[in-house]
C-alpha atoms as a PDB file:
ATOM      1  CA  MET A   1       0.077  -0.031  -0.099  1.00  0.00           C
ATOM      2  CA  LYS A   2       2.418   2.234   0.772  1.00  0.00           C
ATOM      3  CA  LYS A   3       4.428   1.716  -2.978  1.00  0.00           C
ATOM      4  CA  ILE A   4       0.836   2.632  -3.922  1.00  0.00           C
ATOM      5  CA  SER A   5       0.631   5.997  -2.178  1.00  0.00           C
ATOM      6  CA  LEU A   6       4.467   6.576  -3.200  1.00  0.00           C
ATOM      7  CA  LEU A   7       3.876   6.437  -7.019  1.00  0.00           C
ATOM      8  CA  LEU A   8       0.385   8.493  -6.252  1.00  0.00           C
ATOM      9  CA  ALA A   9       2.228  11.076  -4.691  1.00  0.00           C
ATOM     10  CA  LEU A  10       5.109  11.096  -7.033  1.00  0.00           C
ATOM     11  CA  ILE A  11       2.602  11.387 -10.112  1.00  0.00           C
ATOM     12  CA  LEU A  12       0.870  14.107  -8.504  1.00  0.00           C
ATOM     13  CA  VAL A  13       3.803  16.279  -7.716  1.00  0.00           C
ATOM     14  CA  ILE A  14       5.320  16.007 -11.368  1.00  0.00           C
ATOM     15  CA  VAL A  15       1.489  16.490 -12.821  1.00  0.00           C
ATOM     16  CA  SER A  16       1.243  19.730 -10.854  1.00  0.00           C
ATOM     17  CA  CYS A  17       4.188  21.528 -11.365  1.00  0.00           C
ATOM     18  CA  GLU A  18       5.033  24.572 -13.424  1.00  0.00           C
ATOM     19  CA  GLY A  19       7.628  26.623 -14.898  1.00  0.00           C
ATOM     20  CA  GLU A  20       8.723  28.537 -17.660  1.00  0.00           C
ATOM     21  CA  ARG A  21       7.722  27.166 -21.204  1.00  0.00           C
ATOM     22  CA  GLY A  22      11.104  25.540 -22.736  1.00  0.00           C
ATOM     23  CA  PRO A  23      12.732  26.823 -26.075  1.00  0.00           C
ATOM     24  CA  ILE A  24      11.073  26.667 -29.453  1.00  0.00           C
ATOM     25  CA  GLY A  25      12.844  23.577 -31.455  1.00  0.00           C
ATOM     26  CA  PRO A  26      14.178  23.775 -34.653  1.00  0.00           C
ATOM     27  CA  PRO A  27      12.046  24.545 -37.644  1.00  0.00           C
ATOM     28  CA  GLY A  28      11.105  20.986 -39.703  1.00  0.00           C
ATOM     29  CA  PRO A  29      11.817  20.027 -42.736  1.00  0.00           C
ATOM     30  CA  ILE A  30       9.548  22.421 -44.692  1.00  0.00           C
ATOM     31  CA  GLY A  31      12.053  24.494 -46.610  1.00  0.00           C
ATOM     32  CA  GLU A  32      12.022  27.855 -48.204  1.00  0.00           C
ATOM     33  CA  PRO A  33       8.410  29.606 -49.099  1.00  0.00           C
ATOM     34  CA  GLY A  34       7.923  29.191 -52.695  1.00  0.00           C
ATOM     35  CA  GLU A  35       6.527  31.304 -54.996  1.00  0.00           C
ATOM     36  CA  ALA A  36       3.088  31.144 -55.365  1.00  0.00           C
ATOM     37  CA  LEU A  37       1.572  29.580 -59.030  1.00  0.00           C
ATOM     38  CA  ILE A  38      -0.127  31.999 -60.990  1.00  0.00           C
ATOM     39  CA  GLY A  39      -1.357  31.481 -64.568  1.00  0.00           C
ATOM     40  CA  THR A  40      -0.273  33.294 -67.695  1.00  0.00           C
ATOM     41  CA  ILE A  41      -2.381  34.671 -70.364  1.00  0.00           C
ATOM     42  CA  LEU A  42      -1.129  35.282 -73.951  1.00  0.00           C
ATOM     43  CA  GLU A  43      -2.786  37.288 -76.550  1.00  0.00           C
ATOM     44  CA  ILE A  44      -1.678  36.271 -79.699  1.00  0.00           C
ATOM     45  CA  GLU A  45      -3.603  36.986 -83.118  1.00  0.00           C
ATOM     46  CA  GLY A  46      -4.738  34.720 -86.412  1.00  0.00           C
ATOM     47  CA  ASP A  47      -5.816  34.143 -89.603  1.00  0.00           C
ATOM     48  CA  PHE A  48      -8.086  31.578 -90.437  1.00  0.00           C
ATOM     49  CA  THR A  49      -7.818  30.627 -94.546  1.00  0.00           C
ATOM     50  CA  ALA A  50      -8.436  28.310 -96.625  1.00  0.00           C
ATOM     51  CA  GLU A  51      -4.776  27.706 -96.993  1.00  0.00           C
ATOM     52  CA  ASN A  52      -3.818  26.675 -93.072  1.00  0.00           C
ATOM     53  CA  GLY A  53      -7.446  25.179 -93.463  1.00  0.00           C
ATOM     54  CA  TYR A  54      -9.354  27.265 -91.313  1.00  0.00           C
ATOM     55  CA  SER A  55      -7.165  26.578 -88.474  1.00  0.00           C
ATOM     56  CA  PHE A  56      -3.628  27.713 -86.974  1.00  0.00           C
ATOM     57  CA  LEU A  57      -1.558  26.282 -84.330  1.00  0.00           C
ATOM     58  CA  TYR A  58      -0.223  28.315 -81.471  1.00  0.00           C
ATOM     59  CA  GLU A  59       3.217  26.941 -79.770  1.00  0.00           C
ATOM     60  CA  PHE A  60       3.701  27.983 -76.530  1.00  0.00           C
ATOM     61  CA  PRO A  61       7.034  29.983 -75.806  1.00  0.00           C
ATOM     62  CA  THR A  62       8.558  27.516 -73.798  1.00  0.00           C
ATOM     63  CA  SER A  63      11.688  30.222 -73.297  1.00  0.00           C
ATOM     64  CA  GLU A  64       8.690  32.870 -71.224  1.00  0.00           C
ATOM     65  CA  VAL A  65       6.166  30.187 -69.722  1.00  0.00           C
ATOM     66  CA  VAL A  66       6.067  26.386 -68.670  1.00  0.00           C
ATOM     67  CA  VAL A  67       2.969  24.846 -69.203  1.00  0.00           C
ATOM     68  CA  PHE A  68       2.492  21.582 -67.523  1.00  0.00           C
ATOM     69  CA  GLU A  69       0.186  18.561 -68.849  1.00  0.00           C
ATOM     70  CA  SER A  70      -2.054  19.108 -65.632  1.00  0.00           C
ATOM     71  CA  ASP A  71      -2.908  22.939 -65.955  1.00  0.00           C
ATOM     72  CA  VAL A  72      -6.324  24.183 -67.836  1.00  0.00           C
ATOM     73  CA  VAL A  73      -5.957  26.001 -70.505  1.00  0.00           C
ATOM     74  CA  GLN A  74      -8.864  28.005 -71.762  1.00  0.00           C
ATOM     75  CA  VAL A  75      -9.341  30.317 -75.041  1.00  0.00           C
ATOM     76  CA  TYR A  76     -11.147  33.208 -75.395  1.00  0.00           C
ATOM     77  CA  LEU A  77     -12.136  35.557 -78.850  1.00  0.00           C
ATOM     78  CA  LEU A  78     -12.248  39.340 -78.572  1.00  0.00           C
ATOM     79  CA  GLU A  79     -15.584  39.524 -80.018  1.00  0.00           C
ATOM     80  CA  GLU A  80     -15.663  43.198 -80.178  1.00  0.00           C
ATOM     81  CA  VAL A  81     -14.728  46.706 -78.307  1.00  0.00           C
ATOM     82  CA  ILE A  82     -17.139  48.955 -76.865  1.00  0.00           C
ATOM     83  CA  ASN A  83     -16.961  52.541 -76.028  1.00  0.00           C
ATOM     84  CA  ASP A  84     -17.839  53.086 -72.447  1.00  0.00           C
ATOM     85  CA  ASN A  85     -17.946  57.169 -72.008  1.00  0.00           C
ATOM     86  CA  GLY A  86     -14.790  57.436 -73.863  1.00  0.00           C
ATOM     87  CA  ASP A  87     -13.424  54.546 -72.950  1.00  0.00           C
ATOM     88  CA  PHE A  88     -12.551  51.497 -74.907  1.00  0.00           C
ATOM     89  CA  VAL A  89     -13.447  48.053 -73.276  1.00  0.00           C
ATOM     90  CA  ASP A  90     -12.531  44.842 -75.001  1.00  0.00           C
ATOM     91  CA  VAL A  91     -15.260  42.033 -74.662  1.00  0.00           C
ATOM     92  CA  TRP A  92     -13.791  38.478 -74.589  1.00  0.00           C
ATOM     93  CA  THR A  93     -16.148  35.319 -74.771  1.00  0.00           C
ATOM     94  CA  PRO A  94     -14.940  32.230 -73.928  1.00  0.00           C
ATOM     95  CA  LEU A  95     -14.213  29.321 -76.784  1.00  0.00           C
ATOM     96  CA  PRO A  96     -16.475  27.494 -78.184  1.00  0.00           C
ATOM     97  CA  ASN A  97     -18.236  30.292 -79.384  1.00  0.00           C
ATOM     98  CA  SER A  98     -20.849  29.927 -81.868  1.00  0.00           C
ATOM     99  CA  PHE A  99     -22.347  32.720 -84.883  1.00  0.00           C
ATOM    100  CA  PHE A 100     -25.300  32.551 -86.774  1.00  0.00           C
ATOM    101  CA  PHE A 101     -26.250  33.316 -89.713  1.00  0.00           C
ATOM    102  CA  SER A 102     -29.335  34.531 -91.546  1.00  0.00           C
ATOM    103  CA  ASP A 103     -29.315  31.508 -93.938  1.00  0.00           C
ATOM    104  CA  ALA A 104     -29.666  29.737 -90.481  1.00  0.00           C
ATOM    105  CA  SER A 105     -25.637  28.212 -90.882  1.00  0.00           C
ATOM    106  CA  GLN A 106     -23.609  28.193 -87.944  1.00  0.00           C
ATOM    107  CA  LEU A 107     -19.644  29.647 -87.347  1.00  0.00           C
ATOM    108  CA  VAL A 108     -18.056  28.112 -84.488  1.00  0.00           C
ATOM    109  CA  TYR A 109     -14.395  29.426 -82.965  1.00  0.00           C
ATOM    110  CA  ASN A 110     -13.375  26.328 -81.363  1.00  0.00           C
ATOM    111  CA  TYR A 111      -9.942  24.931 -80.156  1.00  0.00           C
ATOM    112  CA  ASN A 112      -7.857  22.231 -78.299  1.00  0.00           C
ATOM    113  CA  HIS A 113      -4.387  21.673 -76.593  1.00  0.00           C
ATOM    114  CA  THR A 114      -1.870  19.673 -75.578  1.00  0.00           C
ATOM    115  CA  PHE A 115       0.735  21.264 -72.873  1.00  0.00           C
ATOM    116  CA  PHE A 116       3.096  22.612 -75.691  1.00  0.00           C
ATOM    117  CA  ASP A 117       0.028  24.252 -78.186  1.00  0.00           C
ATOM    118  CA  VAL A 118      -3.172  25.542 -78.738  1.00  0.00           C
ATOM    119  CA  ASN A 119      -4.682  24.464 -82.192  1.00  0.00           C
ATOM    120  CA  LEU A 120      -7.508  27.014 -83.150  1.00  0.00           C
ATOM    121  CA  PHE A 121     -10.015  26.257 -85.513  1.00  0.00           C
ATOM    122  CA  LEU A 122     -13.094  26.780 -87.268  1.00  0.00           C
ATOM    123  CA  ASP A 123     -16.080  24.373 -87.199  1.00  0.00           C
ATOM    124  CA  GLY A 124     -19.287  24.415 -87.987  1.00  0.00           C
ATOM    125  CA  ASN A 125     -22.197  24.157 -90.861  1.00  0.00           C
ATOM    126  CA  VAL A 126     -21.397  27.104 -93.174  1.00  0.00           C
ATOM    127  CA  ASP A 127     -19.442  27.697 -96.260  1.00  0.00           C
ATOM    128  CA  PHE A 128     -16.242  29.212 -94.565  1.00  0.00           C
ATOM    129  CA  LYS A 129     -15.527  30.246 -98.123  1.00  0.00           C
ATOM    130  CA  THR A 130     -18.806  32.577 -97.908  1.00  0.00           C
ATOM    131  CA  VAL A 131     -18.077  33.988 -94.562  1.00  0.00           C
ATOM    132  CA  SER A 132     -16.769  37.697 -94.194  1.00  0.00           C
ATOM    133  CA  ASN A 133     -13.339  38.518 -93.408  1.00  0.00           C
ATOM    134  CA  ASP A 134     -14.470  39.990 -90.410  1.00  0.00           C
ATOM    135  CA  PHE A 135     -15.020  36.461 -89.122  1.00  0.00           C
ATOM    136  CA  LEU A 136     -12.054  35.275 -90.229  1.00  0.00           C
ATOM    137  CA  LEU A 137      -8.339  37.591 -90.273  1.00  0.00           C
ATOM    138  CA  ASN A 138      -6.955  39.183 -87.700  1.00  0.00           C
ATOM    139  CA  GLN A 139      -8.726  37.395 -85.057  1.00  0.00           C
ATOM    140  CA  VAL A 140      -7.334  37.992 -81.716  1.00  0.00           C
ATOM    141  CA  PHE A 141      -7.334  35.617 -78.714  1.00  0.00           C
ATOM    142  CA  ARG A 142      -6.462  35.228 -75.259  1.00  0.00           C
ATOM    143  CA  ILE A 143      -4.692  32.424 -74.327  1.00  0.00           C
ATOM    144  CA  ALA A 144      -5.502  31.499 -70.234  1.00  0.00           C
ATOM    145  CA  ILE A 145      -2.580  29.349 -69.145  1.00  0.00           C
ATOM    146  CA  ILE A 146      -4.166  28.051 -65.517  1.00  0.00           C
ATOM    147  CA  PRO A 147      -2.253  25.558 -62.710  1.00  0.00           C
ATOM    148  CA  ALA A 148      -3.975  22.674 -62.137  1.00  0.00           C
ATOM    149  CA  ALA A 149      -4.273  23.230 -58.265  1.00  0.00           C
ATOM    150  CA  PHE A 150      -5.987  26.673 -58.857  1.00  0.00           C
ATOM    151  CA  ALA A 151      -8.542  25.575 -61.467  1.00  0.00           C
ATOM    152  CA  GLU A 152     -10.090  23.317 -58.809  1.00  0.00           C
ATOM    153  CA  LYS A 153     -10.420  26.011 -55.995  1.00  0.00           C
ATOM    154  CA  ASN A 154     -11.848  28.329 -58.934  1.00  0.00           C
ATOM    155  CA  PRO A 155     -14.284  26.324 -60.925  1.00  0.00           C
ATOM    156  CA  ASN A 156     -16.003  29.494 -62.281  1.00  0.00           C
ATOM    157  CA  LEU A 157     -13.249  30.403 -64.547  1.00  0.00           C
ATOM    158  CA  THR A 158     -15.395  30.613 -68.197  1.00  0.00           C
ATOM    159  CA  SER A 159     -16.028  34.607 -68.135  1.00  0.00           C
ATOM    160  CA  TYR A 160     -12.574  36.408 -68.538  1.00  0.00           C
ATOM    161  CA  GLU A 161     -13.998  38.605 -66.053  1.00  0.00           C
ATOM    162  CA  ALA A 162     -14.395  36.183 -63.454  1.00  0.00           C
ATOM    163  CA  LEU A 163     -10.453  34.860 -64.654  1.00  0.00           C
ATOM    164  CA  MET A 164      -9.300  38.435 -64.397  1.00  0.00           C
ATOM    165  CA  GLN A 165     -10.798  38.592 -60.803  1.00  0.00           C
ATOM    166  CA  ALA A 166      -9.856  35.444 -59.508  1.00  0.00           C
ATOM    167  CA  MET A 167      -6.009  35.947 -60.992  1.00  0.00           C
ATOM    168  CA  PRO A 168      -5.794  39.542 -60.755  1.00  0.00           C
ATOM    169  CA  ASP A 169      -2.018  39.328 -60.898  1.00  0.00           C
ATOM    170  CA  ALA A 170      -1.988  37.589 -63.827  1.00  0.00           C
ATOM    171  CA  LYS A 171       0.489  38.561 -66.375  1.00  0.00           C
ATOM    172  CA  VAL A 172      -0.582  39.081 -70.181  1.00  0.00           C
ATOM    173  CA  LEU A 173       1.812  38.969 -72.434  1.00  0.00           C
ATOM    174  CA  LYS A 174       1.278  40.056 -76.037  1.00  0.00           C
ATOM    175  CA  ILE A 175       2.597  37.581 -78.515  1.00  0.00           C
ATOM    176  CA  ASP A 176       3.293  39.682 -82.047  1.00  0.00           C
END
């Protein structure tokens, strides 16, 4: 019985001890803080002609942009520029985007991509030879390269405005 009483007294003394907190230990193996992954936006211009099969391929500039296979690539068409009280505002529309003509034909701007290029092409049931050059020549696109982890947390990136609000620090690189 004396042994149990002595053991209980010892435990009570140890538990009830107070004192200064010891020094903070060394940092764990987390490493140095890295840069936040911010998407890149490329602005390009191209022509859809019979000679290029009404499509053109844009290869990502590997010296300026790193694209991972898991990244999300979204493309927007500069549909028009409007005047807002003297300020010119670009209107960007996500692809695919359709235009309908009076004869019920349809022209579709579309794309597909890999982690090293984007193929922009026309589709639809319209005869491309009859389409106005306004739809074919000097078309401006913005290609958004979005890190997969960021896109998962921000699923509503279909509108260009939502994209820019979610990625205010993204750089827009105009490619000539």
